[in-house]
Amino acid sequence: MTIKHLFIVFLFFSFGSLKAQIHEIITCDNDTIFLHLNSHHGQVHWQSSADTTIWQNITPASDTLRIVSSPALLYRAIVVDGTCDSVASDTTRVKFFPVPTVANAGPDQLGLNNVTTTLAANTATIGTGTWQILSGTGGTITSLTNPTSTFKGVGASTYKLVWKIENACKNTKDTVLISFAMPQVTCNGSVMYVYPVDNSGGAIWGCSGTVTNATSLTNGELNTTKIDTVCTDPTIAAHICNNLTAYGFSDWYLPSIDELNCIYTNKNAIGGFPAMSGIVYWSSTETNAQWANAQDFSTGTASTINQKGGAGILGGACRVRCVRR
């Protein structure tokens, strides 16, 4: 049980004067409140009221009033000093609220392969529960007040969430850790790791007018090496992946058209793809000196794009998502 000592310095008003100010104290059930009157002369009589019109005397007379859980009532002190007129203090309203449900954010969820998960907090039977992301970037909670809301994050990321249940009395909190593994898919019989976000929002394929012999439909790593050997432009798609060092690895490459389709098929589990039309990604598979393969991730359509650099779809620039085996 919590004991709250609230020493209120009251102002005095003669009966018949303007209505005194009403203070308000909000506390929890099972708390104990002490109202204390000081700087006065005479005997103190405490009174309570539900409506400021009808007042009931509280006995015995004392400078301090002890209040335990009760309906929301108004309290005031009446001071009587000999034959002088009685004077009243300010009025205090004391409201007791039930203690909110103790928050439980659920067990930690670590190393998840899918970037979407269901949270597992407890339901607030007393008070209102609310989720908040304390740390981690790119995460979203579908419904902040739903204890079992859907949470979506970014691959290879860790998040700390707090579930808080509160009412006018107080709040209780609990935290949970959510972590996602590097996104991975099974493609052509083996695991392929996919970078959790786009590596470029728009890059040219490169080597327009030049044959790189990067024609494999399934081996993006081989294609990337061939492209980066022939093309010296550091801004092209293959170079971005071939020179990427991230998460302790430097063997990233631009996926072939077949590997790119594996990514498309599993894009919801991988995450990090824009939800809009016309989102086209480069593959490392070349068609000829002017054309290279790409895939529209809003429709799933794979096609060849003229002008590997320069004019063409999105001005010859498409998005880039690197992978590794």
Protein backbone atom coordinates (compact mmCIF):
# COMPACT_ATOMS: atom_id res chain seq x y z
CA MET A 1 0.00 0.00 0.00
CA THR A 2 1.32 3.45 -0.89
CA ILE A 3 0.88 6.28 1.58
CA LYS A 4 0.78 9.74 0.09
CA HIS A 5 1.33 12.69 2.44
CA LEU A 6 -0.20 15.71 0.77
CA PHE A 7 0.19 18.78 2.94
CA ILE A 8 -2.15 21.32 1.45
CA VAL A 9 -1.82 24.96 2.46
CA PHE A 10 -5.42 26.13 2.33
CA LEU A 11 -6.73 29.64 1.89
CA PHE A 12 -9.56 30.73 4.18
CA PHE A 13 -12.86 32.25 3.10
CA SER A 14 -15.62 33.66 5.27
CA PHE A 15 -18.99 32.00 4.76
CA GLY A 16 -20.99 33.94 2.23
CA SER A 17 -17.91 35.10 0.34
CA LEU A 18 -17.00 34.06 -3.21
CA LYS A 19 -16.75 30.32 -3.83
CA ALA A 20 -13.33 29.01 -2.90
CA GLN A 21 -11.02 27.37 -5.43
CA ILE A 22 -11.36 23.58 -5.84
CA HIS A 23 -8.13 21.62 -5.89
CA GLU A 24 -8.07 18.08 -7.28
CA ILE A 25 -6.06 15.09 -6.14
CA ILE A 26 -5.99 11.95 -8.33
CA THR A 27 -4.61 8.84 -6.70
CA CYS A 28 -4.81 5.04 -6.72
CA ASP A 29 -7.01 2.64 -4.82
CA ASN A 30 -5.38 1.51 -1.56
CA ASP A 31 -3.36 4.72 -1.33
CA THR A 32 -3.71 6.78 1.82
CA ILE A 33 -4.07 10.55 1.54
CA PHE A 34 -3.36 13.01 4.33
CA LEU A 35 -4.78 16.53 4.14
CA HIS A 36 -3.14 18.89 6.59
CA LEU A 37 -4.14 22.40 7.59
CA ASN A 38 -1.47 24.69 8.96
CA SER A 39 -1.05 28.40 9.72
CA HIS A 40 -4.39 28.68 11.47
CA HIS A 41 -5.77 29.67 14.87
CA GLY A 42 -8.58 27.68 16.39
CA GLN A 43 -10.07 24.23 16.19
CA VAL A 44 -10.25 22.45 12.86
CA HIS A 45 -13.35 20.53 11.77
CA TRP A 46 -13.21 18.61 8.50
CA GLN A 47 -16.22 18.21 6.24
CA SER A 48 -17.00 16.18 3.14
CA SER A 49 -19.50 16.72 0.33
CA ALA A 50 -20.54 15.12 -2.94
CA ASP A 51 -21.91 18.32 -4.50
CA THR A 52 -20.47 21.38 -2.62
CA THR A 53 -23.99 22.06 -1.29
CA ILE A 54 -24.56 19.53 1.49
CA TRP A 55 -21.58 19.09 3.81
CA GLN A 56 -21.14 16.33 6.40
CA ASN A 57 -18.95 16.74 9.48
CA ILE A 58 -16.05 14.33 9.91
CA THR A 59 -15.03 13.41 13.44
CA PRO A 60 -12.91 13.72 15.41
CA ALA A 61 -11.57 17.27 14.95
CA SER A 62 -7.91 17.34 13.92
CA ASP A 63 -5.44 19.41 11.92
CA THR A 64 -4.81 16.37 9.70
CA LEU A 65 -7.41 14.33 7.82
CA ARG A 66 -6.63 10.75 6.77
CA ILE A 67 -8.44 9.52 3.64
CA VAL A 68 -8.42 5.95 2.33
CA SER A 69 -10.15 4.62 -0.82
CA SER A 70 -13.55 6.23 -1.08
CA PRO A 71 -15.96 7.64 -3.67
CA ALA A 72 -14.85 10.90 -5.27
CA LEU A 73 -15.68 13.44 -2.59
CA LEU A 74 -14.96 17.07 -1.81
CA TYR A 75 -13.22 18.01 1.42
CA ARG A 76 -12.75 21.26 3.29
CA ALA A 77 -11.67 22.42 6.72
CA ILE A 78 -13.75 24.65 8.98
CA VAL A 79 -11.79 26.61 11.60
CA VAL A 80 -13.57 27.80 14.74
CA ASP A 81 -11.78 30.22 17.07
CA GLY A 82 -13.78 31.20 20.13
CA THR A 83 -16.56 33.63 19.32
CA CYS A 84 -15.11 34.62 15.97
CA ASP A 85 -16.93 33.69 12.83
CA SER A 86 -16.01 30.30 11.40
CA VAL A 87 -13.91 30.32 8.26
CA ALA A 88 -13.65 27.69 5.52
CA SER A 89 -10.58 26.56 3.64
CA ASP A 90 -10.32 25.91 -0.07
CA THR A 91 -12.03 22.75 -1.25
CA THR A 92 -10.15 19.63 -2.36
CA ARG A 93 -11.66 16.89 -4.52
CA VAL A 94 -10.04 13.48 -4.02
CA LYS A 95 -10.52 10.87 -6.76
CA PHE A 96 -9.44 7.25 -6.32
CA PHE A 97 -8.83 5.15 -9.44
CA PRO A 98 -8.17 1.39 -9.68
CA VAL A 99 -4.57 0.38 -10.28
CA PRO A 100 -4.11 -0.44 -14.00
CA THR A 101 -3.36 -3.96 -15.19
CA VAL A 102 0.34 -4.81 -14.87
CA ALA A 103 1.82 -4.61 -18.38
CA ASN A 104 3.38 -7.68 -19.99
CA ALA A 105 4.85 -7.09 -23.46
CA GLY A 106 5.23 -10.81 -24.17
CA PRO A 107 8.36 -12.88 -24.85
CA ASP A 108 11.30 -11.62 -26.91
CA GLN A 109 11.20 -12.67 -30.57
CA LEU A 110 14.73 -13.01 -31.89
CA GLY A 111 16.23 -13.99 -35.24
CA LEU A 112 12.95 -14.00 -37.16
CA ASN A 113 13.26 -14.85 -40.85
CA ASN A 114 10.08 -13.00 -41.83
CA VAL A 115 10.03 -9.22 -41.37
CA THR A 116 6.43 -9.34 -40.13
CA THR A 117 5.41 -10.76 -36.77
CA THR A 118 2.52 -10.72 -34.29
CA LEU A 119 3.09 -9.04 -30.94
CA ALA A 120 1.98 -10.86 -27.79
CA ALA A 121 1.24 -8.37 -25.00
CA ASN A 122 -1.48 -8.85 -22.39
CA THR A 123 -4.91 -7.23 -22.63
CA ALA A 124 -5.56 -4.26 -20.38
CA THR A 125 -8.57 -5.08 -18.21
CA ILE A 126 -8.06 -1.85 -16.28
CA GLY A 127 -6.60 1.11 -18.15
CA THR A 128 -5.57 1.58 -21.77
CA GLY A 129 -2.61 -0.15 -23.41
CA THR A 130 -0.36 1.53 -25.97
CA TRP A 131 2.65 0.34 -27.99
CA GLN A 132 5.70 2.48 -28.68
CA ILE A 133 8.94 1.77 -30.56
CA LEU A 134 11.83 2.73 -28.29
CA SER A 135 14.69 1.88 -30.66
CA GLY A 136 15.24 0.58 -34.17
CA THR A 137 14.50 2.24 -37.51
CA GLY A 138 11.97 1.43 -40.20
CA GLY A 139 9.55 -0.46 -37.95
CA THR A 140 5.77 0.03 -38.00
CA ILE A 141 3.01 -1.13 -35.64
CA THR A 142 -0.34 -1.64 -37.35
CA SER A 143 -2.44 -0.72 -34.30
CA LEU A 144 -0.81 1.04 -31.35
CA THR A 145 -3.60 0.03 -28.95
CA ASN A 146 -3.87 -3.64 -29.97
CA PRO A 147 -1.82 -5.92 -27.66
CA THR A 148 -1.49 -8.50 -30.47
CA SER A 149 -0.93 -6.04 -33.29
CA THR A 150 1.15 -6.82 -36.35
CA PHE A 151 4.69 -5.44 -36.28
CA LYS A 152 6.73 -5.02 -39.45
CA GLY A 153 10.41 -4.26 -39.40
CA VAL A 154 13.49 -4.37 -41.61
CA GLY A 155 15.66 -7.44 -42.07
CA ALA A 156 18.91 -7.66 -40.10
CA SER A 157 17.50 -5.15 -37.57
CA THR A 158 16.67 -5.20 -33.87
CA TYR A 159 13.85 -3.28 -32.21
CA LYS A 160 12.91 -2.52 -28.63
CA LEU A 161 9.20 -1.98 -28.04
CA VAL A 162 7.36 -0.95 -24.88
CA TRP A 163 3.79 -1.89 -23.93
CA LYS A 164 2.36 0.67 -21.49
CA ILE A 165 -0.95 0.33 -19.65
CA GLU A 166 -2.15 3.47 -17.93
CA ASN A 167 -5.08 5.29 -16.44
CA ALA A 168 -5.47 8.43 -14.33
CA CYS A 169 -3.94 6.57 -11.38
CA LYS A 170 -0.57 5.61 -12.89
CA ASN A 171 1.03 3.47 -15.61
CA THR A 172 2.92 0.19 -15.83
CA LYS A 173 5.39 -0.68 -18.59
CA ASP A 174 7.12 -3.73 -20.04
CA THR A 175 9.54 -4.03 -22.96
CA VAL A 176 10.14 -6.67 -25.62
CA LEU A 177 12.97 -7.21 -28.12
CA ILE A 178 12.17 -8.06 -31.75
CA SER A 179 15.00 -8.94 -34.12
CA PHE A 180 14.98 -10.04 -37.74
CA ALA A 181 17.63 -12.12 -39.44
CA MET A 182 19.18 -11.19 -42.77
CA PRO A 183 16.41 -11.89 -45.32
CA GLN A 184 16.98 -15.17 -47.13
CA VAL A 185 15.26 -17.23 -49.81
CA THR A 186 15.90 -20.64 -51.31
CA CYS A 187 16.74 -20.13 -54.96
CA ASN A 188 17.95 -22.82 -57.36
CA GLY A 189 18.42 -25.26 -54.50
CA SER A 190 20.52 -23.12 -52.18
CA VAL A 191 20.08 -20.24 -49.75
CA MET A 192 20.47 -16.73 -51.09
CA TYR A 193 20.72 -13.78 -48.69
CA VAL A 194 19.04 -10.55 -49.76
CA TYR A 195 20.11 -7.10 -48.59
CA PRO A 196 17.29 -5.82 -46.31
CA VAL A 197 16.73 -2.53 -48.16
CA ASP A 198 17.39 -1.16 -51.64
CA ASN A 199 21.04 -0.39 -52.33
CA SER A 200 20.05 2.24 -54.87
CA GLY A 201 16.80 3.95 -55.77
CA GLY A 202 18.00 4.49 -59.32
CA ALA A 203 21.18 3.39 -61.10
CA ILE A 204 22.06 2.67 -64.72
CA TRP A 205 23.03 -0.84 -65.80
CA GLY A 206 26.10 0.55 -67.56
CA CYS A 207 28.30 -0.30 -70.55
CA SER A 208 25.77 0.89 -73.11
CA GLY A 209 27.03 -0.20 -76.54
CA THR A 210 29.43 -2.74 -75.02
CA VAL A 211 29.01 -6.51 -74.71
CA THR A 212 30.07 -7.79 -71.28
CA ASN A 213 29.10 -11.47 -71.83
CA ALA A 214 27.16 -11.37 -68.53
CA THR A 215 24.46 -13.59 -69.97
CA SER A 216 23.83 -16.17 -67.24
CA LEU A 217 20.19 -16.48 -66.23
CA THR A 218 21.05 -18.11 -62.89
CA ASN A 219 24.53 -17.02 -61.81
CA GLY A 220 24.46 -13.38 -60.84
CA GLU A 221 27.82 -13.57 -59.12
CA LEU A 222 29.52 -14.56 -62.38
CA ASN A 223 27.62 -11.87 -64.28
CA THR A 224 28.59 -9.19 -61.78
CA THR A 225 32.27 -10.04 -62.03
CA LYS A 226 32.16 -9.84 -65.84
CA ILE A 227 30.31 -6.51 -65.82
CA ASP A 228 32.58 -4.91 -63.25
CA THR A 229 35.67 -6.04 -65.17
CA VAL A 230 34.55 -4.37 -68.40
CA CYS A 231 32.65 -1.34 -67.06
CA THR A 232 34.66 1.20 -65.07
CA ASP A 233 31.80 3.54 -64.08
CA PRO A 234 31.53 3.31 -60.23
CA THR A 235 27.86 4.35 -60.27
CA ILE A 236 26.48 1.38 -62.23
CA ALA A 237 24.30 -1.30 -60.62
CA ALA A 238 26.82 -4.17 -60.73
CA HIS A 239 29.58 -2.01 -59.29
CA ILE A 240 27.37 -0.94 -56.37
CA CYS A 241 26.92 -4.57 -55.34
CA ASN A 242 30.40 -5.82 -56.21
CA ASN A 243 32.00 -3.16 -54.01
CA LEU A 244 29.55 -3.43 -51.13
CA THR A 245 30.84 -4.39 -47.69
CA ALA A 246 28.03 -4.79 -45.16
CA TYR A 247 27.14 -6.94 -42.14
CA GLY A 248 30.67 -8.34 -42.18
CA PHE A 249 30.54 -9.59 -45.80
CA SER A 250 32.00 -8.30 -49.05
CA ASP A 251 30.76 -10.98 -51.48
CA TRP A 252 27.56 -9.18 -52.55
CA TYR A 253 26.52 -9.20 -56.20
CA LEU A 254 23.74 -8.10 -58.55
CA PRO A 255 21.26 -10.99 -58.93
CA SER A 256 20.67 -12.68 -62.28
CA ILE A 257 17.18 -12.47 -63.80
CA ASP A 258 16.26 -15.88 -62.33
CA GLU A 259 17.56 -14.89 -58.88
CA LEU A 260 15.71 -11.58 -59.16
CA ASN A 261 12.49 -13.48 -59.75
CA CYS A 262 13.16 -15.52 -56.59
CA ILE A 263 13.32 -12.24 -54.73
CA TYR A 264 10.09 -11.04 -56.31
CA THR A 265 8.29 -14.25 -55.36
CA ASN A 266 9.30 -13.75 -51.71
CA LYS A 267 9.19 -9.95 -51.57
CA ASN A 268 6.64 -9.80 -48.73
CA ALA A 269 8.78 -11.95 -46.46
CA ILE A 270 11.96 -10.10 -47.45
CA GLY A 271 10.45 -6.65 -47.01
CA GLY A 272 11.76 -3.20 -47.81
CA PHE A 273 10.08 -2.86 -51.22
CA PRO A 274 8.08 0.28 -52.07
CA ALA A 275 4.33 -0.29 -52.36
CA MET A 276 3.73 1.56 -55.60
CA SER A 277 3.55 0.93 -59.32
CA GLY A 278 6.47 1.10 -61.71
CA ILE A 279 9.07 -0.25 -59.28
CA VAL A 280 11.67 -1.87 -61.57
CA TYR A 281 14.85 -3.66 -60.47
CA TRP A 282 17.93 -4.45 -62.54
CA SER A 283 19.22 -7.96 -62.94
CA SER A 284 22.82 -8.68 -63.94
CA THR A 285 21.71 -10.63 -67.00
CA GLU A 286 22.66 -8.90 -70.26
CA THR A 287 20.82 -9.38 -73.56
CA ASN A 288 23.19 -7.58 -75.93
CA ALA A 289 25.25 -4.40 -76.20
CA GLN A 290 22.18 -2.18 -75.66
CA TRP A 291 19.72 -4.27 -73.64
CA ALA A 292 19.65 -5.83 -70.15
CA ASN A 293 17.03 -7.72 -68.15
CA ALA A 294 14.94 -6.17 -65.40
CA GLN A 295 11.76 -6.99 -63.47
CA ASP A 296 8.79 -4.87 -62.44
CA PHE A 297 8.13 -5.66 -58.76
CA SER A 298 4.64 -4.15 -58.82
CA THR A 299 3.46 -6.57 -61.55
CA GLY A 300 6.09 -9.32 -61.59
CA THR A 301 6.71 -8.75 -65.29
CA ALA A 302 10.27 -9.47 -66.42
CA SER A 303 11.46 -7.63 -69.52
CA THR A 304 14.51 -6.34 -71.34
CA ILE A 305 15.21 -2.63 -71.22
CA ASN A 306 16.80 -0.80 -74.12
CA GLN A 307 19.67 1.54 -73.34
CA LYS A 308 21.60 0.09 -70.42
CA GLY A 309 22.55 3.65 -69.70
CA GLY A 310 20.91 6.89 -70.82
CA ALA A 311 17.34 6.98 -72.15
CA GLY A 312 14.71 4.33 -71.48
CA ILE A 313 12.50 3.39 -68.53
CA LEU A 314 13.07 5.84 -65.66
CA GLY A 315 15.70 7.48 -67.84
CA GLY A 316 17.64 4.20 -67.95
CA ALA A 317 17.81 4.05 -64.14
CA CYS A 318 16.30 1.17 -62.15
CA ARG A 319 16.45 0.14 -58.50
CA VAL A 320 19.18 -2.15 -57.14
CA ARG A 321 18.96 -4.88 -54.50
CA CYS A 322 22.17 -6.80 -53.81
CA VAL A 323 22.40 -10.46 -52.77
CA ARG A 324 24.98 -12.99 -51.63
CA ARG A 325 25.19 -16.77 -51.32
